[in-house]
Amino acid sequence: MNKYLLFQLLCLSGLVFFTGCKENVSIFGKVVFPDGKPLQVGTVCFQNEIVVATGDLQSDGSFRLGLEKKSSGLPPGFYQVYISGAQNIEKTPPPKDNPEGWGDPIVTPLIHRKFMSPQTSGLSCDVVKGMKLPYNITVEYP
């Protein structure tokens, strides 16, 4: 009986070990507007209950997701997708009564607000090993 119990425990621990060691999937793609112009500023975010992975946009609209290290990919699972930081921030001239200070920032969104939240973006991705890539995103102007 002890040998049988030991055998079951070893099988169970092996199952837990192998299911916990899922290989990360490298996710990359581009973010563009309907006219083909790339979004050059912002961060693509994939998130679920456990993981948040991000990838900064490059000047051609491309991104590559990573966790701890850049381009490390992410574990298989279902993710909500959104874009953060897609805005232009300009500082106004300092006020006359405080020439050493800064004026109020002017924040101009570069994309429609709905793409800036996982609840409203309408974007999602079921990440599975061997999935078809790239993962391209088309956003709308504000």
C-alpha atoms as a PDB file:
ATOM      1  CA  MET A   1       0.000   0.000   0.000  1.00  0.00           C
ATOM      2  CA  ASN A   2       2.831   2.434   0.743  1.00  0.00           C
ATOM      3  CA  LYS A   3       4.392   1.767  -2.662  1.00  0.00           C
ATOM      4  CA  TYR A   4       1.062   2.398  -4.397  1.00  0.00           C
ATOM      5  CA  LEU A   5       0.534   5.657  -2.487  1.00  0.00           C
ATOM      6  CA  LEU A   6       4.093   6.763  -3.249  1.00  0.00           C
ATOM      7  CA  PHE A   7       3.563   5.958  -6.938  1.00  0.00           C
ATOM      8  CA  GLN A   8       0.346   8.069  -7.019  1.00  0.00           C
ATOM      9  CA  LEU A   9       2.090  10.987  -5.326  1.00  0.00           C
ATOM     10  CA  LEU A  10       4.967  10.854  -7.815  1.00  0.00           C
ATOM     11  CA  CYS A  11       2.546  10.782 -10.753  1.00  0.00           C
ATOM     12  CA  LEU A  12       0.561  13.680  -9.335  1.00  0.00           C
ATOM     13  CA  SER A  13       3.661  15.769  -8.664  1.00  0.00           C
ATOM     14  CA  GLY A  14       4.917  15.068 -12.199  1.00  0.00           C
ATOM     15  CA  LEU A  15       1.589  16.174 -13.632  1.00  0.00           C
ATOM     16  CA  VAL A  16       1.675  19.393 -11.614  1.00  0.00           C
ATOM     17  CA  PHE A  17       5.284  20.014 -12.675  1.00  0.00           C
ATOM     18  CA  PHE A  18       4.640  19.531 -16.385  1.00  0.00           C
ATOM     19  CA  THR A  19       1.403  21.518 -16.499  1.00  0.00           C
ATOM     20  CA  GLY A  20       3.101  24.351 -14.615  1.00  0.00           C
ATOM     21  CA  CYS A  21       5.975  24.538 -17.117  1.00  0.00           C
ATOM     22  CA  LYS A  22       4.131  25.898 -20.144  1.00  0.00           C
ATOM     23  CA  GLU A  23       6.364  27.441 -22.741  1.00  0.00           C
ATOM     24  CA  ASN A  24       5.983  31.191 -23.251  1.00  0.00           C
ATOM     25  CA  VAL A  25       4.734  32.368 -26.626  1.00  0.00           C
ATOM     26  CA  SER A  26       6.530  35.225 -28.362  1.00  0.00           C
ATOM     27  CA  ILE A  27       3.937  37.840 -29.303  1.00  0.00           C
ATOM     28  CA  PHE A  28       4.689  40.577 -31.802  1.00  0.00           C
ATOM     29  CA  GLY A  29       2.818  42.704 -34.301  1.00  0.00           C
ATOM     30  CA  LYS A  30       1.963  46.227 -35.432  1.00  0.00           C
ATOM     31  CA  VAL A  31      -0.552  48.868 -34.440  1.00  0.00           C
ATOM     32  CA  VAL A  32      -1.886  50.921 -37.332  1.00  0.00           C
ATOM     33  CA  PHE A  33      -4.766  53.235 -38.203  1.00  0.00           C
ATOM     34  CA  PRO A  34      -7.261  52.269 -40.943  1.00  0.00           C
ATOM     35  CA  ASP A  35      -5.273  54.346 -43.460  1.00  0.00           C
ATOM     36  CA  GLY A  36      -2.148  52.263 -42.716  1.00  0.00           C
ATOM     37  CA  LYS A  37      -0.330  54.949 -40.733  1.00  0.00           C
ATOM     38  CA  PRO A  38       1.476  53.387 -37.724  1.00  0.00           C
ATOM     39  CA  LEU A  39       0.787  54.400 -34.146  1.00  0.00           C
ATOM     40  CA  GLN A  40       4.248  55.453 -32.955  1.00  0.00           C
ATOM     41  CA  VAL A  41       3.634  56.286 -29.289  1.00  0.00           C
ATOM     42  CA  GLY A  42       2.265  54.019 -26.568  1.00  0.00           C
ATOM     43  CA  THR A  43       2.468  50.591 -25.027  1.00  0.00           C
ATOM     44  CA  VAL A  44       0.533  47.475 -26.039  1.00  0.00           C
ATOM     45  CA  CYS A  45      -0.748  45.650 -22.939  1.00  0.00           C
ATOM     46  CA  PHE A  46      -1.999  42.082 -22.596  1.00  0.00           C
ATOM     47  CA  GLN A  47      -3.570  41.282 -19.240  1.00  0.00           C
ATOM     48  CA  ASN A  48      -5.564  38.590 -17.499  1.00  0.00           C
ATOM     49  CA  GLU A  49      -6.167  37.748 -13.829  1.00  0.00           C
ATOM     50  CA  ILE A  50      -2.554  36.636 -13.362  1.00  0.00           C
ATOM     51  CA  VAL A  51      -0.305  38.256 -15.967  1.00  0.00           C
ATOM     52  CA  VAL A  52       0.283  41.719 -17.419  1.00  0.00           C
ATOM     53  CA  ALA A  53       2.708  41.835 -20.339  1.00  0.00           C
ATOM     54  CA  THR A  54       3.674  44.988 -22.212  1.00  0.00           C
ATOM     55  CA  GLY A  55       5.508  46.010 -25.341  1.00  0.00           C
ATOM     56  CA  ASP A  56       6.505  49.552 -26.294  1.00  0.00           C
ATOM     57  CA  LEU A  57       5.553  50.765 -29.751  1.00  0.00           C
ATOM     58  CA  GLN A  58       8.357  51.555 -32.165  1.00  0.00           C
ATOM     59  CA  SER A  59       8.335  54.282 -34.840  1.00  0.00           C
ATOM     60  CA  ASP A  60       6.982  51.815 -37.437  1.00  0.00           C
ATOM     61  CA  GLY A  61       4.114  50.772 -35.112  1.00  0.00           C
ATOM     62  CA  SER A  62       5.693  47.438 -34.246  1.00  0.00           C
ATOM     63  CA  PHE A  63       5.791  45.912 -30.762  1.00  0.00           C
ATOM     64  CA  ARG A  64       7.083  42.794 -29.028  1.00  0.00           C
ATOM     65  CA  LEU A  65       5.662  41.691 -25.690  1.00  0.00           C
ATOM     66  CA  GLY A  66       7.722  40.737 -22.682  1.00  0.00           C
ATOM     67  CA  LEU A  67       7.369  39.955 -19.010  1.00  0.00           C
ATOM     68  CA  GLU A  68      10.499  40.291 -16.874  1.00  0.00           C
ATOM     69  CA  LYS A  69      12.791  40.625 -19.884  1.00  0.00           C
ATOM     70  CA  LYS A  70      12.034  42.369 -23.152  1.00  0.00           C
ATOM     71  CA  SER A  71      10.711  39.981 -25.794  1.00  0.00           C
ATOM     72  CA  SER A  72      10.313  37.098 -23.333  1.00  0.00           C
ATOM     73  CA  GLY A  73       6.807  36.316 -24.552  1.00  0.00           C
ATOM     74  CA  LEU A  74       3.958  35.297 -22.287  1.00  0.00           C
ATOM     75  CA  PRO A  75       2.293  32.151 -20.980  1.00  0.00           C
ATOM     76  CA  PRO A  76      -0.638  30.626 -22.859  1.00  0.00           C
ATOM     77  CA  GLY A  77      -4.032  31.950 -21.782  1.00  0.00           C
ATOM     78  CA  PHE A  78      -6.812  34.377 -22.660  1.00  0.00           C
ATOM     79  CA  TYR A  79      -5.848  38.070 -22.499  1.00  0.00           C
ATOM     80  CA  GLN A  80      -7.639  41.400 -22.739  1.00  0.00           C
ATOM     81  CA  VAL A  81      -5.646  43.772 -24.960  1.00  0.00           C
ATOM     82  CA  TYR A  82      -5.406  47.552 -24.780  1.00  0.00           C
ATOM     83  CA  ILE A  83      -2.998  50.407 -25.480  1.00  0.00           C
ATOM     84  CA  SER A  84      -1.701  52.771 -22.812  1.00  0.00           C
ATOM     85  CA  GLY A  85       0.212  56.021 -23.161  1.00  0.00           C
ATOM     86  CA  ALA A  86      -0.978  56.776 -26.702  1.00  0.00           C
ATOM     87  CA  GLN A  87      -1.002  60.503 -26.129  1.00  0.00           C
ATOM     88  CA  ASN A  88       0.977  63.600 -26.870  1.00  0.00           C
ATOM     89  CA  ILE A  89       1.920  65.740 -23.848  1.00  0.00           C
ATOM     90  CA  GLU A  90       2.944  69.342 -24.393  1.00  0.00           C
ATOM     91  CA  LYS A  91       3.774  71.885 -21.729  1.00  0.00           C
ATOM     92  CA  THR A  92       2.420  75.368 -22.056  1.00  0.00           C
ATOM     93  CA  PRO A  93       4.713  78.344 -21.451  1.00  0.00           C
ATOM     94  CA  PRO A  94       5.258  79.285 -17.796  1.00  0.00           C
ATOM     95  CA  PRO A  95       2.828  81.790 -16.314  1.00  0.00           C
ATOM     96  CA  LYS A  96       3.976  85.417 -16.175  1.00  0.00           C
ATOM     97  CA  ASP A  97       3.815  85.483 -12.375  1.00  0.00           C
ATOM     98  CA  ASN A  98       6.150  82.431 -12.186  1.00  0.00           C
ATOM     99  CA  PRO A  99       8.593  82.479 -15.134  1.00  0.00           C
ATOM    100  CA  GLU A 100      10.698  79.701 -13.557  1.00  0.00           C
ATOM    101  CA  GLY A 101       7.743  77.311 -13.369  1.00  0.00           C
ATOM    102  CA  TRP A 102       5.945  75.246 -15.948  1.00  0.00           C
ATOM    103  CA  GLY A 103       2.532  75.796 -17.421  1.00  0.00           C
ATOM    104  CA  ASP A 104      -0.228  73.225 -17.380  1.00  0.00           C
ATOM    105  CA  PRO A 105       0.357  70.189 -19.584  1.00  0.00           C
ATOM    106  CA  ILE A 106      -1.829  69.764 -22.644  1.00  0.00           C
ATOM    107  CA  VAL A 107      -2.629  66.078 -23.173  1.00  0.00           C
ATOM    108  CA  THR A 108      -3.883  65.101 -26.613  1.00  0.00           C
ATOM    109  CA  PRO A 109      -4.981  61.486 -27.194  1.00  0.00           C
ATOM    110  CA  LEU A 110      -3.598  59.896 -30.360  1.00  0.00           C
ATOM    111  CA  ILE A 111      -6.206  57.120 -30.551  1.00  0.00           C
ATOM    112  CA  HIS A 112      -9.893  56.739 -29.710  1.00  0.00           C
ATOM    113  CA  ARG A 113     -10.359  56.436 -25.930  1.00  0.00           C
ATOM    114  CA  LYS A 114     -12.014  53.015 -26.170  1.00  0.00           C
ATOM    115  CA  PHE A 115      -8.637  51.410 -27.031  1.00  0.00           C
ATOM    116  CA  MET A 116      -7.080  52.691 -23.777  1.00  0.00           C
ATOM    117  CA  SER A 117      -8.928  50.308 -21.426  1.00  0.00           C
ATOM    118  CA  PRO A 118      -9.168  46.505 -21.313  1.00  0.00           C
ATOM    119  CA  GLN A 119     -12.901  46.840 -20.573  1.00  0.00           C
ATOM    120  CA  THR A 120     -13.712  48.942 -23.653  1.00  0.00           C
ATOM    121  CA  SER A 121     -11.058  48.149 -26.275  1.00  0.00           C
ATOM    122  CA  GLY A 122     -12.912  45.198 -27.769  1.00  0.00           C
ATOM    123  CA  LEU A 123      -9.509  43.559 -28.243  1.00  0.00           C
ATOM    124  CA  SER A 124      -8.564  40.150 -26.894  1.00  0.00           C
ATOM    125  CA  CYS A 125      -6.177  37.342 -27.694  1.00  0.00           C
ATOM    126  CA  ASP A 126      -6.222  33.641 -26.867  1.00  0.00           C
ATOM    127  CA  VAL A 127      -2.505  32.898 -26.631  1.00  0.00           C
ATOM    128  CA  VAL A 128      -1.716  29.284 -27.481  1.00  0.00           C
ATOM    129  CA  LYS A 129       1.514  27.564 -28.410  1.00  0.00           C
ATOM    130  CA  GLY A 130       1.968  27.644 -32.166  1.00  0.00           C
ATOM    131  CA  MET A 131      -0.525  30.485 -32.684  1.00  0.00           C
ATOM    132  CA  LYS A 132      -0.544  32.399 -35.959  1.00  0.00           C
ATOM    133  CA  LEU A 133       1.489  35.602 -35.708  1.00  0.00           C
ATOM    134  CA  PRO A 134       1.869  38.550 -36.045  1.00  0.00           C
ATOM    135  CA  TYR A 135      -0.911  39.923 -33.846  1.00  0.00           C
ATOM    136  CA  ASN A 136      -1.792  43.169 -35.639  1.00  0.00           C
ATOM    137  CA  ILE A 137      -4.115  45.800 -34.208  1.00  0.00           C
ATOM    138  CA  THR A 138      -6.074  48.463 -36.068  1.00  0.00           C
ATOM    139  CA  VAL A 139      -7.048  51.479 -33.960  1.00  0.00           C
ATOM    140  CA  GLU A 140      -9.207  54.502 -34.712  1.00  0.00           C
ATOM    141  CA  TYR A 141      -8.292  58.172 -34.602  1.00  0.00           C
ATOM    142  CA  PRO A 142      -9.702  60.152 -31.635  1.00  0.00           C
END
